[in-house]
Amino acid sequence: MFRLTSIVPHVILLASTLALGACDSYVGGGGPSQEEVQRREMYKYGSVLGGDGGLDLLASGKRVEGEQGGGGGLGVNSFLWRGTLDTLSFMPIMSADPFGGVILTDWYSPPEAPDSRFKVNVYILDKQLRADALRATVFRQSRQKGGAWQDTKVGSDTAGQLEDTILTRARQLRMAQAKKD
């Protein structure tokens, strides 16, 4: 005769396995993982930005009154986010976090100066479209005779000029959206 207490752990294991299997079929039955879906969603805007107005990752299509394009799914101002991606579209994006508002580029060497390379970090700090909601840091390296890269000084106004360019693009995007609304 079998005991009910000896079968309970097996039933729990079977139920857990079935529940996990159901989760897989919910995502798409052998399709991309949730991490892959999130990565595709985050990078689909890359340098080819789709959609009008700002990014709305939750696809609600609605803006909260007075939010200035904060975006339903973004933790930052969507116009600043898009303006940054537009402005840096010539550089390879290494990392982009739309919820934390961080965009990091990889090193980029301009064709006219192959012995210099640049890297940019941009932090979007707020949901409001304001000048103090944006911080950019620019790094520069020069190739030495042995082929090694060495950090070199960046002009004191370079980061400020980049921030101004991003803000200008963000304002253009906001004005274009206001005309459509």
C-alpha atoms as a PDB file:
ATOM      1  CA  MET A   1       0.000   0.000   0.000  1.00  0.00           C
ATOM      2  CA  PHE A   2       1.351   3.442  -0.874  1.00  0.00           C
ATOM      3  CA  ARG A   3       1.372   6.447   1.360  1.00  0.00           C
ATOM      4  CA  LEU A   4      -0.118   9.778   0.299  1.00  0.00           C
ATOM      5  CA  THR A   5       2.777  11.681   1.910  1.00  0.00           C
ATOM      6  CA  SER A   6       5.299   9.956  -0.356  1.00  0.00           C
ATOM      7  CA  ILE A   7       3.495  11.064  -3.521  1.00  0.00           C
ATOM      8  CA  VAL A   8       3.015  14.748  -2.562  1.00  0.00           C
ATOM      9  CA  PRO A   9       6.577  15.868  -3.512  1.00  0.00           C
ATOM     10  CA  HIS A  10       6.190  14.173  -6.908  1.00  0.00           C
ATOM     11  CA  VAL A  11       2.860  15.918  -7.517  1.00  0.00           C
ATOM     12  CA  ILE A  12       4.375  19.283  -6.589  1.00  0.00           C
ATOM     13  CA  LEU A  13       7.309  18.675  -8.953  1.00  0.00           C
ATOM     14  CA  LEU A  14       4.950  17.656 -11.764  1.00  0.00           C
ATOM     15  CA  ALA A  15       2.727  20.711 -11.190  1.00  0.00           C
ATOM     16  CA  SER A  16       5.763  23.009 -11.199  1.00  0.00           C
ATOM     17  CA  THR A  17       7.023  21.496 -14.441  1.00  0.00           C
ATOM     18  CA  LEU A  18       3.611  21.908 -16.081  1.00  0.00           C
ATOM     19  CA  ALA A  19       3.364  25.508 -14.865  1.00  0.00           C
ATOM     20  CA  LEU A  20       6.768  26.347 -16.337  1.00  0.00           C
ATOM     21  CA  GLY A  21       5.821  24.654 -19.582  1.00  0.00           C
ATOM     22  CA  ALA A  22       2.630  26.733 -19.721  1.00  0.00           C
ATOM     23  CA  CYS A  23       4.682  29.896 -19.251  1.00  0.00           C
ATOM     24  CA  ASP A  24       6.798  28.937 -22.254  1.00  0.00           C
ATOM     25  CA  SER A  25       3.740  28.436 -24.422  1.00  0.00           C
ATOM     26  CA  TYR A  26       2.381  31.776 -23.209  1.00  0.00           C
ATOM     27  CA  VAL A  27       5.524  33.598 -24.422  1.00  0.00           C
ATOM     28  CA  GLY A  28       5.226  31.969 -27.797  1.00  0.00           C
ATOM     29  CA  GLY A  29       5.814  28.246 -27.453  1.00  0.00           C
ATOM     30  CA  GLY A  30       9.488  27.878 -28.111  1.00  0.00           C
ATOM     31  CA  GLY A  31       9.813  31.427 -29.422  1.00  0.00           C
ATOM     32  CA  PRO A  32      12.260  34.034 -28.166  1.00  0.00           C
ATOM     33  CA  SER A  33      12.854  34.332 -24.438  1.00  0.00           C
ATOM     34  CA  GLN A  34      11.474  37.260 -22.482  1.00  0.00           C
ATOM     35  CA  GLU A  35      15.000  38.698 -22.309  1.00  0.00           C
ATOM     36  CA  GLU A  36      15.306  38.493 -26.101  1.00  0.00           C
ATOM     37  CA  VAL A  37      11.912  40.161 -26.565  1.00  0.00           C
ATOM     38  CA  GLN A  38      12.926  43.000 -24.207  1.00  0.00           C
ATOM     39  CA  ARG A  39      16.283  43.417 -25.993  1.00  0.00           C
ATOM     40  CA  ARG A  40      14.585  43.611 -29.384  1.00  0.00           C
ATOM     41  CA  GLU A  41      12.073  46.141 -28.044  1.00  0.00           C
ATOM     42  CA  MET A  42      14.821  48.310 -26.567  1.00  0.00           C
ATOM     43  CA  TYR A  43      17.045  48.295 -29.655  1.00  0.00           C
ATOM     44  CA  LYS A  44      14.370  48.468 -32.338  1.00  0.00           C
ATOM     45  CA  TYR A  45      14.596  52.250 -32.183  1.00  0.00           C
ATOM     46  CA  GLY A  46      18.400  52.245 -32.624  1.00  0.00           C
ATOM     47  CA  SER A  47      19.335  54.818 -35.215  1.00  0.00           C
ATOM     48  CA  VAL A  48      16.230  54.226 -37.294  1.00  0.00           C
ATOM     49  CA  LEU A  49      13.581  55.708 -35.059  1.00  0.00           C
ATOM     50  CA  GLY A  50      10.032  54.749 -35.794  1.00  0.00           C
ATOM     51  CA  GLY A  51       6.804  56.194 -34.548  1.00  0.00           C
ATOM     52  CA  ASP A  52       5.682  59.731 -34.058  1.00  0.00           C
ATOM     53  CA  GLY A  53       6.217  61.837 -31.010  1.00  0.00           C
ATOM     54  CA  GLY A  54       7.984  59.939 -28.301  1.00  0.00           C
ATOM     55  CA  LEU A  55       8.577  56.354 -27.484  1.00  0.00           C
ATOM     56  CA  ASP A  56       5.661  54.578 -25.865  1.00  0.00           C
ATOM     57  CA  LEU A  57       6.887  51.120 -24.974  1.00  0.00           C
ATOM     58  CA  LEU A  58       3.567  50.174 -23.412  1.00  0.00           C
ATOM     59  CA  ALA A  59       1.784  51.158 -26.632  1.00  0.00           C
ATOM     60  CA  SER A  60      -0.919  53.054 -24.801  1.00  0.00           C
ATOM     61  CA  GLY A  61      -0.781  55.855 -27.355  1.00  0.00           C
ATOM     62  CA  LYS A  62      -1.879  58.322 -24.695  1.00  0.00           C
ATOM     63  CA  ARG A  63       0.010  60.997 -22.849  1.00  0.00           C
ATOM     64  CA  VAL A  64      -0.762  62.109 -19.342  1.00  0.00           C
ATOM     65  CA  GLU A  65      -1.820  65.752 -19.236  1.00  0.00           C
ATOM     66  CA  GLY A  66       1.200  68.010 -18.619  1.00  0.00           C
ATOM     67  CA  GLU A  67       3.726  65.189 -18.946  1.00  0.00           C
ATOM     68  CA  GLN A  68       5.621  66.688 -21.936  1.00  0.00           C
ATOM     69  CA  GLY A  69       6.228  63.388 -23.689  1.00  0.00           C
ATOM     70  CA  GLY A  70       7.451  61.490 -20.669  1.00  0.00           C
ATOM     71  CA  GLY A  71       6.301  58.242 -22.263  1.00  0.00           C
ATOM     72  CA  GLY A  72       4.167  55.656 -20.559  1.00  0.00           C
ATOM     73  CA  GLY A  73       6.900  53.032 -20.389  1.00  0.00           C
ATOM     74  CA  LEU A  74       9.982  55.211 -20.115  1.00  0.00           C
ATOM     75  CA  GLY A  75      11.516  56.438 -16.916  1.00  0.00           C
ATOM     76  CA  VAL A  76      12.766  59.526 -18.735  1.00  0.00           C
ATOM     77  CA  ASN A  77      11.561  62.145 -21.198  1.00  0.00           C
ATOM     78  CA  SER A  78      10.901  60.414 -24.512  1.00  0.00           C
ATOM     79  CA  PHE A  79      11.870  63.479 -26.574  1.00  0.00           C
ATOM     80  CA  LEU A  80      15.259  63.646 -24.855  1.00  0.00           C
ATOM     81  CA  TRP A  81      15.637  59.897 -25.392  1.00  0.00           C
ATOM     82  CA  ARG A  82      14.853  60.119 -29.101  1.00  0.00           C
ATOM     83  CA  GLY A  83      16.866  63.317 -29.516  1.00  0.00           C
ATOM     84  CA  THR A  84      19.888  61.593 -27.992  1.00  0.00           C
ATOM     85  CA  LEU A  85      19.552  58.548 -30.241  1.00  0.00           C
ATOM     86  CA  ASP A  86      19.124  60.789 -33.296  1.00  0.00           C
ATOM     87  CA  THR A  87      22.143  62.905 -32.384  1.00  0.00           C
ATOM     88  CA  LEU A  88      24.385  59.907 -31.687  1.00  0.00           C
ATOM     89  CA  SER A  89      23.115  57.790 -34.585  1.00  0.00           C
ATOM     90  CA  PHE A  90      26.510  57.949 -36.339  1.00  0.00           C
ATOM     91  CA  MET A  91      28.192  56.243 -33.364  1.00  0.00           C
ATOM     92  CA  PRO A  92      27.776  52.578 -32.414  1.00  0.00           C
ATOM     93  CA  ILE A  93      25.474  52.266 -29.404  1.00  0.00           C
ATOM     94  CA  MET A  94      26.956  49.895 -26.849  1.00  0.00           C
ATOM     95  CA  SER A  95      24.145  50.077 -24.296  1.00  0.00           C
ATOM     96  CA  ALA A  96      20.781  51.809 -24.079  1.00  0.00           C
ATOM     97  CA  ASP A  97      18.523  51.649 -21.033  1.00  0.00           C
ATOM     98  CA  PRO A  98      15.255  53.542 -21.673  1.00  0.00           C
ATOM     99  CA  PHE A  99      14.035  52.989 -18.123  1.00  0.00           C
ATOM    100  CA  GLY A 100      17.187  54.261 -16.427  1.00  0.00           C
ATOM    101  CA  GLY A 101      17.895  56.877 -19.099  1.00  0.00           C
ATOM    102  CA  VAL A 102      21.441  55.766 -19.888  1.00  0.00           C
ATOM    103  CA  ILE A 103      22.921  55.647 -23.400  1.00  0.00           C
ATOM    104  CA  LEU A 104      26.529  54.529 -23.780  1.00  0.00           C
ATOM    105  CA  THR A 105      28.310  54.491 -27.109  1.00  0.00           C
ATOM    106  CA  ASP A 106      31.236  52.361 -28.119  1.00  0.00           C
ATOM    107  CA  TRP A 107      34.444  53.927 -29.384  1.00  0.00           C
ATOM    108  CA  TYR A 108      34.085  55.740 -32.708  1.00  0.00           C
ATOM    109  CA  SER A 109      36.919  56.879 -34.982  1.00  0.00           C
ATOM    110  CA  PRO A 110      35.958  59.532 -37.526  1.00  0.00           C
ATOM    111  CA  PRO A 111      37.118  58.651 -41.054  1.00  0.00           C
ATOM    112  CA  GLU A 112      39.035  61.934 -41.295  1.00  0.00           C
ATOM    113  CA  ALA A 113      40.943  61.234 -38.039  1.00  0.00           C
ATOM    114  CA  PRO A 114      41.602  57.473 -37.725  1.00  0.00           C
ATOM    115  CA  ASP A 115      44.182  58.004 -34.957  1.00  0.00           C
ATOM    116  CA  SER A 116      41.571  59.532 -32.635  1.00  0.00           C
ATOM    117  CA  ARG A 117      38.507  57.911 -31.192  1.00  0.00           C
ATOM    118  CA  PHE A 118      35.601  59.135 -29.091  1.00  0.00           C
ATOM    119  CA  LYS A 119      33.122  57.624 -26.684  1.00  0.00           C
ATOM    120  CA  VAL A 120      30.017  59.296 -25.237  1.00  0.00           C
ATOM    121  CA  ASN A 121      27.918  58.585 -22.153  1.00  0.00           C
ATOM    122  CA  VAL A 122      24.553  60.346 -21.907  1.00  0.00           C
ATOM    123  CA  TYR A 123      22.355  60.326 -18.812  1.00  0.00           C
ATOM    124  CA  ILE A 124      18.755  61.510 -19.011  1.00  0.00           C
ATOM    125  CA  LEU A 125      17.771  62.418 -15.483  1.00  0.00           C
ATOM    126  CA  ASP A 126      14.121  63.487 -15.608  1.00  0.00           C
ATOM    127  CA  LYS A 127      10.775  63.122 -17.371  1.00  0.00           C
ATOM    128  CA  GLN A 128      10.657  66.848 -18.080  1.00  0.00           C
ATOM    129  CA  LEU A 129      12.214  68.369 -21.191  1.00  0.00           C
ATOM    130  CA  ARG A 130      14.661  70.662 -19.413  1.00  0.00           C
ATOM    131  CA  ALA A 131      18.331  71.482 -19.855  1.00  0.00           C
ATOM    132  CA  ASP A 132      19.245  70.132 -16.417  1.00  0.00           C
ATOM    133  CA  ALA A 133      17.612  66.775 -17.234  1.00  0.00           C
ATOM    134  CA  LEU A 134      20.558  65.817 -19.433  1.00  0.00           C
ATOM    135  CA  ARG A 135      24.229  65.083 -18.730  1.00  0.00           C
ATOM    136  CA  ALA A 136      26.764  64.094 -21.380  1.00  0.00           C
ATOM    137  CA  THR A 137      30.345  62.965 -20.915  1.00  0.00           C
ATOM    138  CA  VAL A 138      32.755  62.749 -23.836  1.00  0.00           C
ATOM    139  CA  PHE A 139      35.946  60.685 -23.783  1.00  0.00           C
ATOM    140  CA  ARG A 140      38.777  60.886 -26.305  1.00  0.00           C
ATOM    141  CA  GLN A 141      41.782  58.706 -26.991  1.00  0.00           C
ATOM    142  CA  SER A 142      44.684  59.050 -29.414  1.00  0.00           C
ATOM    143  CA  ARG A 143      46.705  56.231 -30.922  1.00  0.00           C
ATOM    144  CA  GLN A 144      50.352  56.297 -29.907  1.00  0.00           C
ATOM    145  CA  LYS A 145      53.279  55.179 -32.084  1.00  0.00           C
ATOM    146  CA  GLY A 146      53.206  51.657 -30.633  1.00  0.00           C
ATOM    147  CA  GLY A 147      49.515  51.313 -31.512  1.00  0.00           C
ATOM    148  CA  ALA A 148      48.230  51.657 -27.952  1.00  0.00           C
ATOM    149  CA  TRP A 149      45.413  54.088 -27.180  1.00  0.00           C
ATOM    150  CA  GLN A 150      46.014  56.833 -24.635  1.00  0.00           C
ATOM    151  CA  ASP A 151      43.431  59.103 -23.019  1.00  0.00           C
ATOM    152  CA  THR A 152      43.637  62.701 -24.195  1.00  0.00           C
ATOM    153  CA  LYS A 153      41.937  65.858 -23.043  1.00  0.00           C
ATOM    154  CA  VAL A 154      38.554  66.801 -24.475  1.00  0.00           C
ATOM    155  CA  GLY A 155      37.666  70.455 -24.955  1.00  0.00           C
ATOM    156  CA  SER A 156      35.886  71.892 -21.918  1.00  0.00           C
ATOM    157  CA  ASP A 157      32.856  72.920 -23.965  1.00  0.00           C
ATOM    158  CA  THR A 158      32.489  69.686 -25.994  1.00  0.00           C
ATOM    159  CA  ALA A 159      30.036  68.001 -23.606  1.00  0.00           C
ATOM    160  CA  GLY A 160      28.021  71.223 -23.320  1.00  0.00           C
ATOM    161  CA  GLN A 161      27.795  71.548 -27.102  1.00  0.00           C
ATOM    162  CA  LEU A 162      26.641  67.939 -27.358  1.00  0.00           C
ATOM    163  CA  GLU A 163      23.982  68.550 -24.702  1.00  0.00           C
ATOM    164  CA  ASP A 164      22.788  71.646 -26.596  1.00  0.00           C
ATOM    165  CA  THR A 165      22.540  69.658 -29.833  1.00  0.00           C
ATOM    166  CA  ILE A 166      20.515  66.919 -28.118  1.00  0.00           C
ATOM    167  CA  LEU A 167      18.213  69.494 -26.481  1.00  0.00           C
ATOM    168  CA  THR A 168      17.660  71.230 -29.816  1.00  0.00           C
ATOM    169  CA  ARG A 169      16.724  67.929 -31.467  1.00  0.00           C
ATOM    170  CA  ALA A 170      14.415  67.029 -28.562  1.00  0.00           C
ATOM    171  CA  ARG A 171      12.633  70.383 -28.872  1.00  0.00           C
ATOM    172  CA  GLN A 172      12.243  69.837 -32.624  1.00  0.00           C
ATOM    173  CA  LEU A 173      10.649  66.450 -31.955  1.00  0.00           C
ATOM    174  CA  ARG A 174       8.304  67.952 -29.352  1.00  0.00           C
ATOM    175  CA  MET A 175       7.239  70.753 -31.725  1.00  0.00           C
ATOM    176  CA  ALA A 176       6.642  68.232 -34.533  1.00  0.00           C
ATOM    177  CA  GLN A 177       4.465  66.179 -32.172  1.00  0.00           C
ATOM    178  CA  ALA A 178       2.527  69.263 -31.039  1.00  0.00           C
ATOM    179  CA  LYS A 179       1.702  70.080 -34.665  1.00  0.00           C
ATOM    180  CA  LYS A 180       0.311  66.553 -35.157  1.00  0.00           C
ATOM    181  CA  ASP A 181      -1.799  66.674 -31.976  1.00  0.00           C
END
